[in-house]
Amino acid sequence: MRRTVWLWLFLGLALAQKPQVLIGTGGVGGVYFYYGTAVAELLNKGGAVQAQAMQSGGSMENLMLLRDRTDPARGVYYCGTALPDAALLAYQGEERFQGKPAPVRILFTMYPNYFHVVTTEDSGIRVLQDLKGKRVSTEVAGGIIEYEARILMSAALPGFDPRTHFAKWERTRVAESAQMLAEGTLDAFFWSGGLPTGSILELSGSLARRGKRLFLVPLVPQSTAVQMLQRRFPGVVDTGVVPKGVYNTRYDTPTLTFWNVFVCPASLPEEVAYAMVKTVFENLPTLHAAVAPARDTTLENAVRSRGGRIPYHEGAVRYFRERGVWR
């Protein structure tokens, strides 16, 4: 009899346990890390799930965790921040996801990433071709930023190979790349992030204190490199401008933009997805105050990826219909 009572107590506790949501973000110094951390705090306060933000290698790793580590039987779900082109590769089973697509669903669209090719005014680098013979970081190995950088560089330098075209090829996170550039051990680095990205803002200040100035390599809409990336990801890659006031550059810089998405696995229960989205969008002022680029996380922008190839989760759709933004 006592054993039966304990068994029922155990089962009751197990059933009462909240789903565990692990949120893949990015490296410290990038917006993903702070955005994901802020969302996890909101979700924990909301009480629908037990949420934990994780530092990661960014979009591609987050999508692999979603695919490989989600365990509905244990109530464990890997969600995360991701660039839309990375999410598309995962959903369609391309590149690193060849033969094993990820069951990706969008919970909401977050804010735009701006592609940065970061250097200094005194480096002599003004266009992508000038990166030949320089010390360059393409971000983390196997990440979507490196993938994008390779496409851009292949258009700029036919037959491009980072091992031979760069004097030194680094594959470091944004915070480390910014530090290396400040110390003079790196000439340029690729990055995709919200405005402003903390590490680059700090780099700009560090350079200014030494009489130097940050320079962002322009990526103009008419260039072969930009058009090649747009052809690779139709409807996903847009163009935009990094205003000169963001990092105290001398000029506004034309570049590429990508609207980030907050993704989850298809197996996330509808009620849980609904509760997560409801919690985030009923606490937008807190999110906006925590992370500057999150100012673009709005109800209207949340559904801007609708009509793309990656479906929204039905729990998210239900919430957005109730709010009148999903028609």
C-alpha atoms as a PDB file:
ATOM      1  CA  MET A   1       0.000   0.000   0.000  1.00  0.00           C
ATOM      2  CA  ARG A   2       2.791   2.420   0.945  1.00  0.00           C
ATOM      3  CA  ARG A   3       4.611   1.612  -2.305  1.00  0.00           C
ATOM      4  CA  THR A   4       1.434   2.388  -4.290  1.00  0.00           C
ATOM      5  CA  VAL A   5       1.043   5.765  -2.544  1.00  0.00           C
ATOM      6  CA  TRP A   6       4.640   6.717  -3.300  1.00  0.00           C
ATOM      7  CA  LEU A   7       4.206   5.629  -6.907  1.00  0.00           C
ATOM      8  CA  TRP A   8       1.154   7.860  -7.335  1.00  0.00           C
ATOM      9  CA  LEU A   9       2.977  10.757  -5.691  1.00  0.00           C
ATOM     10  CA  PHE A  10       5.909  10.277  -8.042  1.00  0.00           C
ATOM     11  CA  LEU A  11       3.645  10.170 -11.098  1.00  0.00           C
ATOM     12  CA  GLY A  12       1.811  13.270  -9.914  1.00  0.00           C
ATOM     13  CA  LEU A  13       5.053  15.199  -9.536  1.00  0.00           C
ATOM     14  CA  ALA A  14       6.250  14.031 -12.944  1.00  0.00           C
ATOM     15  CA  LEU A  15       3.027  15.179 -14.588  1.00  0.00           C
ATOM     16  CA  ALA A  16       3.211  18.534 -12.797  1.00  0.00           C
ATOM     17  CA  GLN A  17       6.709  19.238 -14.044  1.00  0.00           C
ATOM     18  CA  LYS A  18       6.953  22.108 -16.461  1.00  0.00           C
ATOM     19  CA  PRO A  19       8.487  21.545 -19.899  1.00  0.00           C
ATOM     20  CA  GLN A  20      12.187  22.363 -19.988  1.00  0.00           C
ATOM     21  CA  VAL A  21      13.100  24.796 -22.753  1.00  0.00           C
ATOM     22  CA  LEU A  22      16.772  25.302 -23.547  1.00  0.00           C
ATOM     23  CA  ILE A  23      17.450  28.353 -25.695  1.00  0.00           C
ATOM     24  CA  GLY A  24      20.486  28.255 -27.961  1.00  0.00           C
ATOM     25  CA  THR A  25      21.896  31.754 -28.455  1.00  0.00           C
ATOM     26  CA  GLY A  26      25.406  32.711 -29.607  1.00  0.00           C
ATOM     27  CA  GLY A  27      28.698  33.926 -28.223  1.00  0.00           C
ATOM     28  CA  VAL A  28      29.091  36.547 -25.496  1.00  0.00           C
ATOM     29  CA  GLY A  29      29.407  39.941 -27.166  1.00  0.00           C
ATOM     30  CA  GLY A  30      26.798  39.179 -29.821  1.00  0.00           C
ATOM     31  CA  VAL A  31      23.122  40.153 -29.628  1.00  0.00           C
ATOM     32  CA  TYR A  32      21.832  36.558 -29.687  1.00  0.00           C
ATOM     33  CA  PHE A  33      23.332  35.805 -26.287  1.00  0.00           C
ATOM     34  CA  TYR A  34      21.689  38.770 -24.566  1.00  0.00           C
ATOM     35  CA  TYR A  35      18.405  38.434 -26.440  1.00  0.00           C
ATOM     36  CA  GLY A  36      18.092  34.723 -25.618  1.00  0.00           C
ATOM     37  CA  THR A  37      18.967  35.369 -21.993  1.00  0.00           C
ATOM     38  CA  ALA A  38      16.303  38.088 -21.746  1.00  0.00           C
ATOM     39  CA  VAL A  39      13.677  35.792 -23.309  1.00  0.00           C
ATOM     40  CA  ALA A  40      14.594  32.991 -20.874  1.00  0.00           C
ATOM     41  CA  GLU A  41      14.108  35.361 -17.936  1.00  0.00           C
ATOM     42  CA  LEU A  42      10.695  36.386 -19.231  1.00  0.00           C
ATOM     43  CA  LEU A  43       9.633  32.768 -19.722  1.00  0.00           C
ATOM     44  CA  ASN A  44      10.748  31.779 -16.233  1.00  0.00           C
ATOM     45  CA  LYS A  45       8.825  34.669 -14.693  1.00  0.00           C
ATOM     46  CA  GLY A  46       5.809  33.767 -16.820  1.00  0.00           C
ATOM     47  CA  GLY A  47       5.818  30.308 -15.296  1.00  0.00           C
ATOM     48  CA  ALA A  48       4.757  28.234 -18.313  1.00  0.00           C
ATOM     49  CA  VAL A  49       8.147  26.563 -18.766  1.00  0.00           C
ATOM     50  CA  GLN A  50      11.528  26.159 -17.133  1.00  0.00           C
ATOM     51  CA  ALA A  51      13.798  28.090 -19.488  1.00  0.00           C
ATOM     52  CA  GLN A  52      17.564  28.305 -19.689  1.00  0.00           C
ATOM     53  CA  ALA A  53      19.648  30.267 -22.198  1.00  0.00           C
ATOM     54  CA  MET A  54      22.831  28.606 -23.471  1.00  0.00           C
ATOM     55  CA  GLN A  55      25.899  30.148 -25.046  1.00  0.00           C
ATOM     56  CA  SER A  56      26.490  28.452 -28.395  1.00  0.00           C
ATOM     57  CA  GLY A  57      28.142  28.702 -31.789  1.00  0.00           C
ATOM     58  CA  GLY A  58      25.087  30.488 -33.181  1.00  0.00           C
ATOM     59  CA  SER A  59      22.419  29.649 -35.739  1.00  0.00           C
ATOM     60  CA  MET A  60      23.727  26.363 -37.151  1.00  0.00           C
ATOM     61  CA  GLU A  61      24.533  24.870 -33.749  1.00  0.00           C
ATOM     62  CA  ASN A  62      21.189  26.004 -32.352  1.00  0.00           C
ATOM     63  CA  LEU A  63      19.371  24.258 -35.200  1.00  0.00           C
ATOM     64  CA  MET A  64      21.380  21.076 -34.724  1.00  0.00           C
ATOM     65  CA  LEU A  65      20.552  21.072 -31.015  1.00  0.00           C
ATOM     66  CA  LEU A  66      16.884  21.541 -31.894  1.00  0.00           C
ATOM     67  CA  ARG A  67      17.059  18.555 -34.228  1.00  0.00           C
ATOM     68  CA  ASP A  68      19.256  16.212 -32.210  1.00  0.00           C
ATOM     69  CA  ARG A  69      18.681  16.990 -28.529  1.00  0.00           C
ATOM     70  CA  THR A  70      14.958  17.662 -28.248  1.00  0.00           C
ATOM     71  CA  ASP A  71      13.344  14.849 -26.241  1.00  0.00           C
ATOM     72  CA  PRO A  72       9.550  15.179 -25.918  1.00  0.00           C
ATOM     73  CA  ALA A  73       9.381  12.016 -23.772  1.00  0.00           C
ATOM     74  CA  ARG A  74      11.402  13.850 -21.107  1.00  0.00           C
ATOM     75  CA  GLY A  75       9.737  17.218 -21.699  1.00  0.00           C
ATOM     76  CA  VAL A  76      12.965  18.718 -23.050  1.00  0.00           C
ATOM     77  CA  TYR A  77      12.784  21.086 -26.024  1.00  0.00           C
ATOM     78  CA  TYR A  78      15.640  22.962 -27.669  1.00  0.00           C
ATOM     79  CA  CYS A  79      14.618  26.306 -29.106  1.00  0.00           C
ATOM     80  CA  GLY A  80      16.848  29.148 -30.204  1.00  0.00           C
ATOM     81  CA  THR A  81      17.750  32.212 -32.208  1.00  0.00           C
ATOM     82  CA  ALA A  82      18.658  31.736 -35.855  1.00  0.00           C
ATOM     83  CA  LEU A  83      19.335  33.532 -39.084  1.00  0.00           C
ATOM     84  CA  PRO A  84      16.631  32.817 -41.669  1.00  0.00           C
ATOM     85  CA  ASP A  85      19.012  31.380 -44.257  1.00  0.00           C
ATOM     86  CA  ALA A  86      20.426  28.949 -41.680  1.00  0.00           C
ATOM     87  CA  ALA A  87      16.893  27.943 -40.667  1.00  0.00           C
ATOM     88  CA  LEU A  88      16.032  27.374 -44.325  1.00  0.00           C
ATOM     89  CA  LEU A  89      19.069  25.131 -44.844  1.00  0.00           C
ATOM     90  CA  ALA A  90      18.043  23.123 -41.772  1.00  0.00           C
ATOM     91  CA  TYR A  91      14.394  22.855 -42.787  1.00  0.00           C
ATOM     92  CA  GLN A  92      15.226  21.763 -46.329  1.00  0.00           C
ATOM     93  CA  GLY A  93      17.998  19.367 -45.289  1.00  0.00           C
ATOM     94  CA  GLU A  94      20.821  21.144 -47.117  1.00  0.00           C
ATOM     95  CA  GLU A  95      24.546  21.590 -46.426  1.00  0.00           C
ATOM     96  CA  ARG A  96      25.288  20.424 -42.867  1.00  0.00           C
ATOM     97  CA  PHE A  97      21.721  19.110 -42.600  1.00  0.00           C
ATOM     98  CA  GLN A  98      22.000  16.978 -45.738  1.00  0.00           C
ATOM     99  CA  GLY A  99      19.948  13.823 -45.345  1.00  0.00           C
ATOM    100  CA  LYS A 100      18.586  14.829 -41.950  1.00  0.00           C
ATOM    101  CA  PRO A 101      16.404  17.955 -42.022  1.00  0.00           C
ATOM    102  CA  ALA A 102      15.502  19.702 -38.780  1.00  0.00           C
ATOM    103  CA  PRO A 103      11.800  19.885 -37.786  1.00  0.00           C
ATOM    104  CA  VAL A 104      11.984  23.680 -37.503  1.00  0.00           C
ATOM    105  CA  ARG A 105       9.005  25.868 -36.692  1.00  0.00           C
ATOM    106  CA  ILE A 106       9.030  29.640 -36.247  1.00  0.00           C
ATOM    107  CA  LEU A 107       7.637  31.067 -33.023  1.00  0.00           C
ATOM    108  CA  PHE A 108       8.206  34.682 -34.050  1.00  0.00           C
ATOM    109  CA  THR A 109      10.424  36.938 -36.127  1.00  0.00           C
ATOM    110  CA  MET A 110      12.757  38.969 -33.924  1.00  0.00           C
ATOM    111  CA  TYR A 111      14.812  41.802 -35.451  1.00  0.00           C
ATOM    112  CA  PRO A 112      17.055  42.374 -38.475  1.00  0.00           C
ATOM    113  CA  ASN A 113      20.681  41.329 -38.571  1.00  0.00           C
ATOM    114  CA  TYR A 114      23.071  43.571 -40.473  1.00  0.00           C
ATOM    115  CA  PHE A 115      26.063  42.029 -42.187  1.00  0.00           C
ATOM    116  CA  HIS A 116      29.317  43.611 -41.023  1.00  0.00           C
ATOM    117  CA  VAL A 117      32.733  43.416 -42.665  1.00  0.00           C
ATOM    118  CA  VAL A 118      34.689  45.178 -39.957  1.00  0.00           C
ATOM    119  CA  THR A 119      38.095  46.803 -40.328  1.00  0.00           C
ATOM    120  CA  THR A 120      39.779  50.172 -39.656  1.00  0.00           C
ATOM    121  CA  GLU A 121      40.185  53.228 -41.848  1.00  0.00           C
ATOM    122  CA  ASP A 122      43.963  52.862 -41.870  1.00  0.00           C
ATOM    123  CA  SER A 123      43.859  49.207 -43.015  1.00  0.00           C
ATOM    124  CA  GLY A 124      43.515  50.153 -46.692  1.00  0.00           C
ATOM    125  CA  ILE A 125      40.564  47.769 -47.022  1.00  0.00           C
ATOM    126  CA  ARG A 126      37.705  49.414 -48.910  1.00  0.00           C
ATOM    127  CA  VAL A 127      36.105  46.557 -50.895  1.00  0.00           C
ATOM    128  CA  LEU A 128      35.939  42.787 -50.481  1.00  0.00           C
ATOM    129  CA  GLN A 129      38.765  42.254 -52.982  1.00  0.00           C
ATOM    130  CA  ASP A 130      41.096  44.159 -50.636  1.00  0.00           C
ATOM    131  CA  LEU A 131      40.831  41.305 -48.125  1.00  0.00           C
ATOM    132  CA  LYS A 132      43.216  39.281 -50.268  1.00  0.00           C
ATOM    133  CA  GLY A 133      46.505  38.900 -48.401  1.00  0.00           C
ATOM    134  CA  LYS A 134      45.017  40.155 -45.126  1.00  0.00           C
ATOM    135  CA  ARG A 135      44.473  38.551 -41.717  1.00  0.00           C
ATOM    136  CA  VAL A 136      40.763  37.816 -41.600  1.00  0.00           C
ATOM    137  CA  SER A 137      38.276  36.006 -39.345  1.00  0.00           C
ATOM    138  CA  THR A 138      35.140  34.461 -40.843  1.00  0.00           C
ATOM    139  CA  GLU A 139      33.510  33.768 -37.444  1.00  0.00           C
ATOM    140  CA  VAL A 140      33.042  30.264 -35.983  1.00  0.00           C
ATOM    141  CA  ALA A 141      33.925  27.227 -38.088  1.00  0.00           C
ATOM    142  CA  GLY A 142      30.938  25.790 -39.914  1.00  0.00           C
ATOM    143  CA  GLY A 143      28.645  28.649 -38.893  1.00  0.00           C
ATOM    144  CA  ILE A 144      26.198  30.442 -41.163  1.00  0.00           C
ATOM    145  CA  ILE A 145      28.266  33.663 -41.104  1.00  0.00           C
ATOM    146  CA  GLU A 146      31.261  31.772 -42.466  1.00  0.00           C
ATOM    147  CA  TYR A 147      28.977  30.223 -45.102  1.00  0.00           C
ATOM    148  CA  GLU A 148      27.730  33.682 -46.119  1.00  0.00           C
ATOM    149  CA  ALA A 149      31.273  35.079 -46.110  1.00  0.00           C
ATOM    150  CA  ARG A 150      32.461  32.330 -48.450  1.00  0.00           C
ATOM    151  CA  ILE A 151      29.660  33.098 -50.940  1.00  0.00           C
ATOM    152  CA  LEU A 152      30.468  36.815 -50.874  1.00  0.00           C
ATOM    153  CA  MET A 153      34.208  36.257 -51.221  1.00  0.00           C
ATOM    154  CA  SER A 154      33.752  33.722 -54.033  1.00  0.00           C
ATOM    155  CA  ALA A 155      31.914  36.394 -56.010  1.00  0.00           C
ATOM    156  CA  ALA A 156      34.600  38.979 -55.271  1.00  0.00           C
ATOM    157  CA  LEU A 157      37.577  36.668 -55.872  1.00  0.00           C
ATOM    158  CA  PRO A 158      36.934  33.813 -58.359  1.00  0.00           C
ATOM    159  CA  GLY A 159      38.367  30.549 -57.079  1.00  0.00           C
ATOM    160  CA  PHE A 160      38.381  31.923 -53.535  1.00  0.00           C
ATOM    161  CA  ASP A 161      40.016  29.749 -50.879  1.00  0.00           C
ATOM    162  CA  PRO A 162      40.520  31.314 -47.428  1.00  0.00           C
ATOM    163  CA  ARG A 163      43.619  29.179 -46.854  1.00  0.00           C
ATOM    164  CA  THR A 164      45.425  30.778 -49.781  1.00  0.00           C
ATOM    165  CA  HIS A 165      43.722  34.146 -50.315  1.00  0.00           C
ATOM    166  CA  PHE A 166      44.056  35.263 -46.686  1.00  0.00           C
ATOM    167  CA  ALA A 167      47.475  35.851 -45.150  1.00  0.00           C
ATOM    168  CA  LYS A 168      46.009  34.417 -41.949  1.00  0.00           C
ATOM    169  CA  TRP A 169      42.615  32.770 -41.625  1.00  0.00           C
ATOM    170  CA  GLU A 170      40.965  32.947 -38.210  1.00  0.00           C
ATOM    171  CA  ARG A 171      37.616  31.492 -37.164  1.00  0.00           C
ATOM    172  CA  THR A 172      36.862  33.308 -33.940  1.00  0.00           C
ATOM    173  CA  ARG A 173      33.765  34.671 -32.218  1.00  0.00           C
ATOM    174  CA  VAL A 174      32.899  38.330 -32.537  1.00  0.00           C
ATOM    175  CA  ALA A 175      34.227  39.356 -29.105  1.00  0.00           C
ATOM    176  CA  GLU A 176      37.604  37.727 -29.734  1.00  0.00           C
ATOM    177  CA  SER A 177      37.788  39.068 -33.295  1.00  0.00           C
ATOM    178  CA  ALA A 178      37.095  42.602 -32.077  1.00  0.00           C
ATOM    179  CA  GLN A 179      39.821  42.294 -29.470  1.00  0.00           C
ATOM    180  CA  MET A 180      42.317  40.962 -32.016  1.00  0.00           C
ATOM    181  CA  LEU A 181      41.549  43.796 -34.419  1.00  0.00           C
ATOM    182  CA  ALA A 182      41.983  46.320 -31.599  1.00  0.00           C
ATOM    183  CA  GLU A 183      45.347  44.751 -30.716  1.00  0.00           C
ATOM    184  CA  GLY A 184      46.504  44.792 -34.342  1.00  0.00           C
ATOM    185  CA  THR A 185      46.708  41.015 -34.801  1.00  0.00           C
ATOM    186  CA  LEU A 186      43.745  40.934 -37.219  1.00  0.00           C
ATOM    187  CA  ASP A 187      42.948  43.161 -40.197  1.00  0.00           C
ATOM    188  CA  ALA A 188      39.239  42.451 -40.642  1.00  0.00           C
ATOM    189  CA  PHE A 189      36.412  40.156 -39.627  1.00  0.00           C
ATOM    190  CA  PHE A 190      32.980  39.109 -40.804  1.00  0.00           C
ATOM    191  CA  TRP A 191      29.956  39.389 -38.560  1.00  0.00           C
ATOM    192  CA  SER A 192      26.173  39.409 -38.779  1.00  0.00           C
ATOM    193  CA  GLY A 193      24.274  40.936 -35.876  1.00  0.00           C
ATOM    194  CA  GLY A 194      21.780  43.469 -34.617  1.00  0.00           C
ATOM    195  CA  LEU A 195      22.500  47.162 -34.259  1.00  0.00           C
ATOM    196  CA  PRO A 196      24.446  47.893 -32.289  1.00  0.00           C
ATOM    197  CA  THR A 197      26.511  44.774 -31.608  1.00  0.00           C
ATOM    198  CA  GLY A 198      28.182  45.315 -28.226  1.00  0.00           C
ATOM    199  CA  SER A 199      31.637  44.017 -29.135  1.00  0.00           C
ATOM    200  CA  ILE A 200      31.851  46.246 -32.212  1.00  0.00           C
ATOM    201  CA  LEU A 201      30.588  49.248 -30.270  1.00  0.00           C
ATOM    202  CA  GLU A 202      33.357  48.670 -27.717  1.00  0.00           C
ATOM    203  CA  LEU A 203      35.874  48.248 -30.532  1.00  0.00           C
ATOM    204  CA  SER A 204      34.846  51.578 -32.041  1.00  0.00           C
ATOM    205  CA  GLY A 205      35.372  53.310 -28.702  1.00  0.00           C
ATOM    206  CA  SER A 206      38.734  51.602 -28.183  1.00  0.00           C
ATOM    207  CA  LEU A 207      39.931  52.695 -31.628  1.00  0.00           C
ATOM    208  CA  ALA A 208      38.691  56.269 -31.106  1.00  0.00           C
ATOM    209  CA  ARG A 209      40.708  56.577 -27.892  1.00  0.00           C
ATOM    210  CA  ARG A 210      43.825  55.866 -29.963  1.00  0.00           C
ATOM    211  CA  GLY A 211      42.938  58.273 -32.749  1.00  0.00           C
ATOM    212  CA  LYS A 212      41.706  55.544 -35.101  1.00  0.00           C
ATOM    213  CA  ARG A 213      38.354  54.931 -36.701  1.00  0.00           C
ATOM    214  CA  LEU A 214      36.238  51.908 -37.504  1.00  0.00           C
ATOM    215  CA  PHE A 215      35.438  51.199 -41.150  1.00  0.00           C
ATOM    216  CA  LEU A 216      32.694  48.918 -42.471  1.00  0.00           C
ATOM    217  CA  VAL A 217      33.203  47.566 -45.979  1.00  0.00           C
ATOM    218  CA  PRO A 218      30.151  48.549 -48.069  1.00  0.00           C
ATOM    219  CA  LEU A 219      28.075  45.812 -49.711  1.00  0.00           C
ATOM    220  CA  VAL A 220      26.108  47.653 -52.379  1.00  0.00           C
ATOM    221  CA  PRO A 221      22.913  46.137 -53.829  1.00  0.00           C
ATOM    222  CA  GLN A 222      24.255  46.202 -57.393  1.00  0.00           C
ATOM    223  CA  SER A 223      27.420  44.222 -56.574  1.00  0.00           C
ATOM    224  CA  THR A 224      27.918  40.708 -57.886  1.00  0.00           C
ATOM    225  CA  ALA A 225      28.571  39.455 -54.340  1.00  0.00           C
ATOM    226  CA  VAL A 226      25.279  40.751 -52.947  1.00  0.00           C
ATOM    227  CA  GLN A 227      23.294  39.482 -55.920  1.00  0.00           C
ATOM    228  CA  MET A 228      24.878  36.036 -55.623  1.00  0.00           C
ATOM    229  CA  LEU A 229      23.819  35.714 -51.974  1.00  0.00           C
ATOM    230  CA  GLN A 230      20.323  36.936 -52.804  1.00  0.00           C
ATOM    231  CA  ARG A 231      20.027  34.294 -55.534  1.00  0.00           C
ATOM    232  CA  ARG A 232      21.143  31.619 -53.075  1.00  0.00           C
ATOM    233  CA  PHE A 233      18.452  32.643 -50.580  1.00  0.00           C
ATOM    234  CA  PRO A 234      15.612  34.284 -52.516  1.00  0.00           C
ATOM    235  CA  GLY A 235      13.191  36.218 -50.361  1.00  0.00           C
ATOM    236  CA  VAL A 236      15.419  35.902 -47.293  1.00  0.00           C
ATOM    237  CA  VAL A 237      18.274  38.348 -47.954  1.00  0.00           C
ATOM    238  CA  ASP A 238      17.450  42.051 -48.133  1.00  0.00           C
ATOM    239  CA  THR A 239      19.532  45.218 -48.248  1.00  0.00           C
ATOM    240  CA  GLY A 240      19.837  47.993 -45.708  1.00  0.00           C
ATOM    241  CA  VAL A 241      22.150  50.622 -44.245  1.00  0.00           C
ATOM    242  CA  VAL A 242      24.212  50.817 -41.062  1.00  0.00           C
ATOM    243  CA  PRO A 243      23.880  54.506 -40.092  1.00  0.00           C
ATOM    244  CA  LYS A 244      27.181  56.233 -39.375  1.00  0.00           C
ATOM    245  CA  GLY A 245      26.035  57.151 -35.879  1.00  0.00           C
ATOM    246  CA  VAL A 246      25.826  53.522 -34.749  1.00  0.00           C
ATOM    247  CA  TYR A 247      29.586  52.913 -34.566  1.00  0.00           C
ATOM    248  CA  ASN A 248      30.871  56.447 -35.280  1.00  0.00           C
ATOM    249  CA  THR A 249      31.945  55.553 -38.818  1.00  0.00           C
ATOM    250  CA  ARG A 250      32.565  58.348 -41.272  1.00  0.00           C
ATOM    251  CA  TYR A 251      29.799  57.254 -43.653  1.00  0.00           C
ATOM    252  CA  ASP A 252      26.504  55.373 -43.710  1.00  0.00           C
ATOM    253  CA  THR A 253      27.290  51.862 -44.958  1.00  0.00           C
ATOM    254  CA  PRO A 254      25.088  49.889 -47.376  1.00  0.00           C
ATOM    255  CA  THR A 255      24.917  46.221 -46.475  1.00  0.00           C
ATOM    256  CA  LEU A 256      22.790  43.057 -46.302  1.00  0.00           C
ATOM    257  CA  THR A 257      20.013  42.445 -43.800  1.00  0.00           C
ATOM    258  CA  PHE A 258      18.424  39.232 -42.547  1.00  0.00           C
ATOM    259  CA  TRP A 259      15.405  39.082 -40.230  1.00  0.00           C
ATOM    260  CA  ASN A 260      16.257  36.708 -37.377  1.00  0.00           C
ATOM    261  CA  VAL A 261      13.735  34.119 -36.251  1.00  0.00           C
ATOM    262  CA  PHE A 262      13.099  32.510 -32.869  1.00  0.00           C
ATOM    263  CA  VAL A 263      12.627  28.820 -33.630  1.00  0.00           C
ATOM    264  CA  CYS A 264      11.378  25.723 -31.859  1.00  0.00           C
ATOM    265  CA  PRO A 265      10.849  22.056 -32.774  1.00  0.00           C
ATOM    266  CA  ALA A 266       7.567  20.953 -34.342  1.00  0.00           C
ATOM    267  CA  SER A 267       7.098  18.615 -31.362  1.00  0.00           C
ATOM    268  CA  LEU A 268       6.710  21.498 -28.893  1.00  0.00           C
ATOM    269  CA  PRO A 269       3.121  21.153 -27.596  1.00  0.00           C
ATOM    270  CA  GLU A 270       0.725  23.744 -28.956  1.00  0.00           C
ATOM    271  CA  GLU A 271      -0.286  24.989 -25.503  1.00  0.00           C
ATOM    272  CA  VAL A 272       3.359  25.461 -24.539  1.00  0.00           C
ATOM    273  CA  ALA A 273       4.211  27.343 -27.742  1.00  0.00           C
ATOM    274  CA  TYR A 274       1.143  29.554 -27.251  1.00  0.00           C
ATOM    275  CA  ALA A 275       2.120  30.315 -23.645  1.00  0.00           C
ATOM    276  CA  MET A 276       5.715  31.129 -24.613  1.00  0.00           C
ATOM    277  CA  VAL A 277       4.728  33.555 -27.359  1.00  0.00           C
ATOM    278  CA  LYS A 278       2.041  35.142 -25.167  1.00  0.00           C
ATOM    279  CA  THR A 279       4.567  35.686 -22.358  1.00  0.00           C
ATOM    280  CA  VAL A 280       7.115  37.346 -24.648  1.00  0.00           C
ATOM    281  CA  PHE A 281       4.641  39.651 -26.386  1.00  0.00           C
ATOM    282  CA  GLU A 282       2.879  40.680 -23.200  1.00  0.00           C
ATOM    283  CA  ASN A 283       6.228  41.787 -21.796  1.00  0.00           C
ATOM    284  CA  LEU A 284       7.745  43.583 -24.777  1.00  0.00           C
ATOM    285  CA  PRO A 285       8.748  46.723 -22.810  1.00  0.00           C
ATOM    286  CA  THR A 286      10.961  44.554 -20.591  1.00  0.00           C
ATOM    287  CA  LEU A 287      12.556  42.870 -23.611  1.00  0.00           C
ATOM    288  CA  HIS A 288      13.083  46.203 -25.388  1.00  0.00           C
ATOM    289  CA  ALA A 289      14.754  47.660 -22.309  1.00  0.00           C
ATOM    290  CA  ALA A 290      17.067  44.660 -21.949  1.00  0.00           C
ATOM    291  CA  VAL A 291      18.387  44.457 -25.533  1.00  0.00           C
ATOM    292  CA  ALA A 292      18.566  47.433 -27.895  1.00  0.00           C
ATOM    293  CA  PRO A 293      17.937  45.563 -31.199  1.00  0.00           C
ATOM    294  CA  ALA A 294      14.827  44.011 -29.616  1.00  0.00           C
ATOM    295  CA  ARG A 295      13.053  47.314 -30.279  1.00  0.00           C
ATOM    296  CA  ASP A 296      12.182  45.735 -33.640  1.00  0.00           C
ATOM    297  CA  THR A 297      10.471  42.789 -31.950  1.00  0.00           C
ATOM    298  CA  THR A 298       6.864  43.900 -32.339  1.00  0.00           C
ATOM    299  CA  LEU A 299       3.571  42.168 -33.003  1.00  0.00           C
ATOM    300  CA  GLU A 300       3.593  43.395 -36.584  1.00  0.00           C
ATOM    301  CA  ASN A 301       7.188  42.291 -37.243  1.00  0.00           C
ATOM    302  CA  ALA A 302       6.653  38.968 -35.460  1.00  0.00           C
ATOM    303  CA  VAL A 303       4.692  37.591 -38.421  1.00  0.00           C
ATOM    304  CA  ARG A 304       6.784  39.061 -41.238  1.00  0.00           C
ATOM    305  CA  SER A 305       8.253  35.628 -42.076  1.00  0.00           C
ATOM    306  CA  ARG A 306       4.756  34.325 -42.806  1.00  0.00           C
ATOM    307  CA  GLY A 307       4.503  33.104 -46.388  1.00  0.00           C
ATOM    308  CA  GLY A 308       8.081  31.810 -46.391  1.00  0.00           C
ATOM    309  CA  ARG A 309       9.038  28.175 -46.733  1.00  0.00           C
ATOM    310  CA  ILE A 310       9.397  27.559 -42.994  1.00  0.00           C
ATOM    311  CA  PRO A 311       6.017  27.219 -41.234  1.00  0.00           C
ATOM    312  CA  TYR A 312       5.118  28.955 -37.995  1.00  0.00           C
ATOM    313  CA  HIS A 313       4.228  26.773 -35.021  1.00  0.00           C
ATOM    314  CA  GLU A 314       0.462  26.362 -34.659  1.00  0.00           C
ATOM    315  CA  GLY A 315       0.625  27.643 -31.061  1.00  0.00           C
ATOM    316  CA  ALA A 316       2.218  30.884 -32.273  1.00  0.00           C
ATOM    317  CA  VAL A 317      -0.313  31.231 -35.091  1.00  0.00           C
ATOM    318  CA  ARG A 318      -3.135  30.883 -32.579  1.00  0.00           C
ATOM    319  CA  TYR A 319      -1.763  33.719 -30.456  1.00  0.00           C
ATOM    320  CA  PHE A 320      -1.136  36.034 -33.418  1.00  0.00           C
ATOM    321  CA  ARG A 321      -4.653  35.383 -34.723  1.00  0.00           C
ATOM    322  CA  GLU A 322      -6.067  36.388 -31.349  1.00  0.00           C
ATOM    323  CA  ARG A 323      -4.053  39.613 -31.511  1.00  0.00           C
ATOM    324  CA  GLY A 324      -5.281  40.368 -35.038  1.00  0.00           C
ATOM    325  CA  VAL A 325      -1.906  40.366 -36.808  1.00  0.00           C
ATOM    326  CA  TRP A 326      -2.290  36.972 -38.525  1.00  0.00           C
ATOM    327  CA  ARG A 327      -4.930  37.233 -41.219  1.00  0.00           C
END
